[in-house]
Amino acid sequence: MKAVKTWPINEDGHVILTTGSGSANIAGYVMEDYIPVDEDGRMVVVFDVSPSSGGSSTVTAADITDSSATGRTVLTGTASTGRTALGLGTAATQDSSAFATPTDVANLAAVVQPKVGVPSAFTSRTLTNSDDGDTLVCASAQVATVDTGLMSGFGCVFKGAITFSGTATVTDERSTGATYPWCALVQTGTDTYAVVGGKA
């Protein structure tokens, strides 16, 4: 190794350093006019990077004082302990294709969810698509008008005395003599329905 009185710099005017050998223990001094360099003229330095815990250049949690316990675990632990500290679990190990995309979420939002509700009172009127999946209760004899053009898969349930009319084809397949009449209007094809259950 040799010494020079000039400092090597790069095209941006920054001093160029290179890593030296040996420890960071101070064994002597050189004059400030002399700079130890390698064969290419780069300043040779050894950095004192020993942690506060001493004895190793590996940074441990004890060396990071201005941080939280979780942060220290993330910085110094294994990938597994880091995920555990952050509460990520195994989801963090999955490929991105394992998760729903914005398009997937939009498609789910467009799915028609089944209707869940309490029975509602029914009086004679024309059925509409909003009646699909409903349980309609007749306090006395009523008439349900079933016209063509209702949504695909339309159907509903009636409790009580009910008869049917309208422009759609409705086949009454109910048994008679029911003490507690009920029936289901079931779509069997385009604008065609069957009524199953029991009637008085």
Protein backbone atom coordinates (compact mmCIF):
# COMPACT_ATOMS: atom_id res chain seq x y z
CA MET A 1 0.00 0.00 0.00
CA LYS A 2 1.19 3.52 -0.70
CA ALA A 3 0.26 7.01 0.41
CA VAL A 4 -0.46 10.17 -1.58
CA LYS A 5 -1.31 13.79 -0.89
CA THR A 6 -4.29 13.94 -3.25
CA TRP A 7 -7.79 12.58 -2.94
CA PRO A 8 -9.22 10.56 -5.86
CA ILE A 9 -12.64 11.74 -7.04
CA ASN A 10 -15.12 10.58 -9.66
CA GLU A 11 -16.85 12.53 -12.42
CA ASP A 12 -19.25 14.01 -9.84
CA GLY A 13 -16.43 15.22 -7.62
CA HIS A 14 -17.02 12.55 -4.97
CA VAL A 15 -14.11 10.94 -3.13
CA ILE A 16 -13.68 7.29 -4.14
CA LEU A 17 -13.15 4.79 -1.32
CA THR A 18 -12.31 1.12 -1.25
CA THR A 19 -12.54 -1.39 1.59
CA GLY A 20 -9.34 -2.11 3.48
CA SER A 21 -8.34 -5.17 5.48
CA GLY A 22 -7.85 -5.87 9.16
CA SER A 23 -9.92 -4.74 12.12
CA ALA A 24 -11.25 -1.35 13.12
CA ASN A 25 -8.85 -1.15 16.05
CA ILE A 26 -6.61 1.94 15.99
CA ALA A 27 -2.97 0.75 15.63
CA GLY A 28 -1.35 4.06 14.69
CA TYR A 29 -1.76 7.31 12.80
CA VAL A 30 -0.70 8.88 9.51
CA MET A 31 -0.17 12.55 8.79
CA GLU A 32 -3.17 14.39 7.41
CA ASP A 33 -1.16 15.19 4.28
CA TYR A 34 -0.93 11.49 3.39
CA ILE A 35 -3.81 9.32 2.28
CA PRO A 36 -3.48 5.51 2.08
CA VAL A 37 -4.55 4.36 -1.40
CA ASP A 38 -4.55 1.15 -3.42
CA GLU A 39 -2.86 0.59 -6.75
CA ASP A 40 -5.63 2.49 -8.53
CA GLY A 41 -5.31 5.52 -6.27
CA ARG A 42 -8.52 4.85 -4.33
CA MET A 43 -8.54 5.80 -0.66
CA VAL A 44 -8.35 2.66 1.49
CA VAL A 45 -10.53 2.75 4.60
CA VAL A 46 -11.85 0.37 7.24
CA PHE A 47 -15.17 1.36 8.75
CA ASP A 48 -15.91 0.85 12.41
CA VAL A 49 -19.34 -0.73 12.04
CA SER A 50 -19.25 -2.89 15.15
CA PRO A 51 -22.67 -2.81 16.82
CA SER A 52 -23.24 -1.47 20.31
CA SER A 53 -23.64 -5.02 21.59
CA GLY A 54 -20.01 -5.63 20.54
CA GLY A 55 -18.19 -8.56 19.01
CA SER A 56 -19.93 -8.89 15.63
CA SER A 57 -20.67 -6.85 12.54
CA THR A 58 -24.12 -8.46 12.37
CA VAL A 59 -26.83 -6.02 13.41
CA THR A 60 -29.05 -7.43 16.16
CA ALA A 61 -32.27 -6.17 17.70
CA ALA A 62 -30.31 -4.74 20.64
CA ASP A 63 -28.42 -2.42 18.26
CA ILE A 64 -31.62 -0.73 17.08
CA THR A 65 -32.72 1.46 19.97
CA ASP A 66 -34.97 4.01 18.26
CA SER A 67 -37.67 1.54 17.13
CA SER A 68 -40.54 -0.63 18.28
CA ALA A 69 -40.21 -4.30 19.16
CA THR A 70 -42.17 -5.18 16.01
CA GLY A 71 -39.90 -3.02 13.86
CA ARG A 72 -36.77 -4.61 15.31
CA THR A 73 -38.15 -8.08 14.62
CA VAL A 74 -38.92 -7.16 11.01
CA LEU A 75 -35.44 -5.72 10.46
CA THR A 76 -33.38 -8.38 12.20
CA GLY A 77 -35.48 -11.55 12.20
CA THR A 78 -36.18 -14.15 9.56
CA ALA A 79 -38.85 -13.71 6.91
CA SER A 80 -41.14 -15.96 8.96
CA THR A 81 -40.73 -14.05 12.22
CA GLY A 82 -41.16 -10.76 10.35
CA ARG A 83 -44.49 -11.91 8.91
CA THR A 84 -45.62 -13.08 12.33
CA ALA A 85 -44.68 -9.73 13.92
CA LEU A 86 -46.71 -7.88 11.31
CA GLY A 87 -49.64 -10.27 11.62
CA LEU A 88 -49.47 -11.24 7.94
CA GLY A 89 -49.68 -15.00 8.37
CA THR A 90 -49.32 -17.23 5.32
CA ALA A 91 -51.14 -14.78 3.02
CA ALA A 92 -47.85 -12.92 2.53
CA THR A 93 -46.29 -16.03 1.00
CA GLN A 94 -48.93 -16.42 -1.70
CA ASP A 95 -48.53 -15.36 -5.30
CA SER A 96 -50.60 -12.35 -6.34
CA SER A 97 -52.70 -14.59 -8.59
CA ALA A 98 -54.15 -16.21 -5.44
CA PHE A 99 -56.05 -13.01 -4.58
CA ALA A 100 -59.08 -11.32 -6.06
CA THR A 101 -58.46 -8.53 -8.55
CA PRO A 102 -60.59 -5.37 -8.82
CA THR A 103 -62.34 -7.04 -11.77
CA ASP A 104 -63.16 -10.08 -9.63
CA VAL A 105 -64.66 -7.84 -6.96
CA ALA A 106 -66.73 -5.96 -9.54
CA ASN A 107 -68.04 -9.25 -10.94
CA LEU A 108 -69.05 -10.42 -7.48
CA ALA A 109 -70.88 -7.17 -6.83
CA ALA A 110 -72.90 -7.76 -10.00
CA VAL A 111 -74.14 -11.18 -8.86
CA VAL A 112 -77.81 -11.11 -7.86
CA GLN A 113 -77.99 -12.27 -4.25
CA PRO A 114 -80.87 -14.47 -3.11
CA LYS A 115 -83.64 -12.58 -1.38
CA VAL A 116 -84.07 -13.28 2.30
CA GLY A 117 -86.98 -11.60 4.03
CA VAL A 118 -90.06 -12.02 6.17
CA PRO A 119 -93.43 -13.07 4.66
CA SER A 120 -95.53 -10.19 3.39
CA ALA A 121 -99.27 -9.77 3.03
CA PHE A 122 -100.71 -10.27 -0.45
CA THR A 123 -103.88 -8.90 -1.98
CA SER A 124 -105.03 -9.43 -5.54
CA ARG A 125 -102.65 -7.83 -8.04
CA THR A 126 -100.26 -8.49 -10.92
CA LEU A 127 -96.95 -10.11 -9.94
CA THR A 128 -93.72 -8.24 -10.76
CA ASN A 129 -90.05 -9.19 -10.72
CA SER A 130 -89.75 -7.72 -7.23
CA ASP A 131 -91.93 -10.59 -5.98
CA ASP A 132 -89.33 -13.15 -7.01
CA GLY A 133 -88.36 -15.33 -4.04
CA ASP A 134 -90.98 -13.82 -1.74
CA THR A 135 -93.41 -15.60 0.58
CA LEU A 136 -96.82 -13.97 0.06
CA VAL A 137 -99.55 -14.47 2.67
CA CYS A 138 -103.23 -14.30 1.75
CA ALA A 139 -105.57 -13.50 4.65
CA SER A 140 -108.55 -14.35 2.42
CA ALA A 141 -109.08 -15.63 -1.12
CA GLN A 142 -106.93 -13.62 -3.56
CA VAL A 143 -105.99 -13.66 -7.26
CA ALA A 144 -102.39 -13.45 -8.52
CA THR A 145 -102.06 -12.23 -12.12
CA VAL A 146 -99.07 -13.83 -13.85
CA ASP A 147 -98.31 -12.08 -17.12
CA THR A 148 -95.63 -12.86 -19.69
CA GLY A 149 -92.24 -11.15 -19.49
CA LEU A 150 -91.22 -11.94 -15.92
CA MET A 151 -87.52 -12.55 -15.27
CA SER A 152 -85.88 -15.91 -15.99
CA GLY A 153 -86.18 -18.21 -12.97
CA PHE A 154 -89.04 -16.23 -11.42
CA GLY A 155 -90.87 -17.94 -8.59
CA CYS A 156 -92.58 -17.27 -5.29
CA VAL A 157 -94.54 -19.00 -2.51
CA PHE A 158 -98.12 -18.36 -1.39
CA LYS A 159 -99.77 -19.19 1.92
CA GLY A 160 -103.54 -19.18 1.99
CA ALA A 161 -106.26 -19.29 -0.67
CA ILE A 162 -104.89 -18.14 -4.03
CA THR A 163 -105.89 -18.53 -7.68
CA PHE A 164 -104.02 -17.47 -10.81
CA SER A 165 -104.78 -15.57 -13.99
CA GLY A 166 -102.87 -13.58 -16.59
CA THR A 167 -101.25 -13.91 -20.02
CA ALA A 168 -98.58 -16.45 -18.98
CA THR A 169 -99.34 -20.17 -19.05
CA VAL A 170 -99.95 -21.43 -15.50
CA THR A 171 -100.65 -25.12 -14.85
CA ASP A 172 -102.26 -25.82 -11.49
CA GLU A 173 -100.79 -29.07 -10.12
CA ARG A 174 -101.91 -28.63 -6.52
CA SER A 175 -103.60 -31.34 -4.53
CA THR A 176 -106.96 -30.49 -2.96
CA GLY A 177 -108.25 -30.80 0.57
CA ALA A 178 -105.39 -29.03 2.35
CA THR A 179 -106.25 -27.74 5.83
CA TYR A 180 -103.49 -25.16 5.63
CA PRO A 181 -103.16 -24.38 1.92
CA TRP A 182 -99.84 -23.25 0.52
CA CYS A 183 -98.26 -23.41 -2.92
CA ALA A 184 -95.24 -22.47 -4.95
CA LEU A 185 -95.32 -20.79 -8.34
CA VAL A 186 -92.43 -22.35 -10.27
CA GLN A 187 -91.21 -21.25 -13.69
CA THR A 188 -90.86 -24.27 -15.99
CA GLY A 189 -90.03 -22.45 -19.23
CA THR A 190 -90.34 -19.11 -20.95
CA ASP A 191 -93.62 -17.59 -19.69
CA THR A 192 -94.78 -21.00 -18.45
CA TYR A 193 -95.34 -21.93 -14.80
CA ALA A 194 -96.50 -24.78 -12.60
CA VAL A 195 -98.26 -24.33 -9.27
CA VAL A 196 -97.39 -27.08 -6.80
CA GLY A 197 -98.54 -27.62 -3.23
CA GLY A 198 -102.01 -27.89 -1.75
CA LYS A 199 -105.29 -26.01 -1.81
CA ALA A 200 -108.51 -26.19 0.12
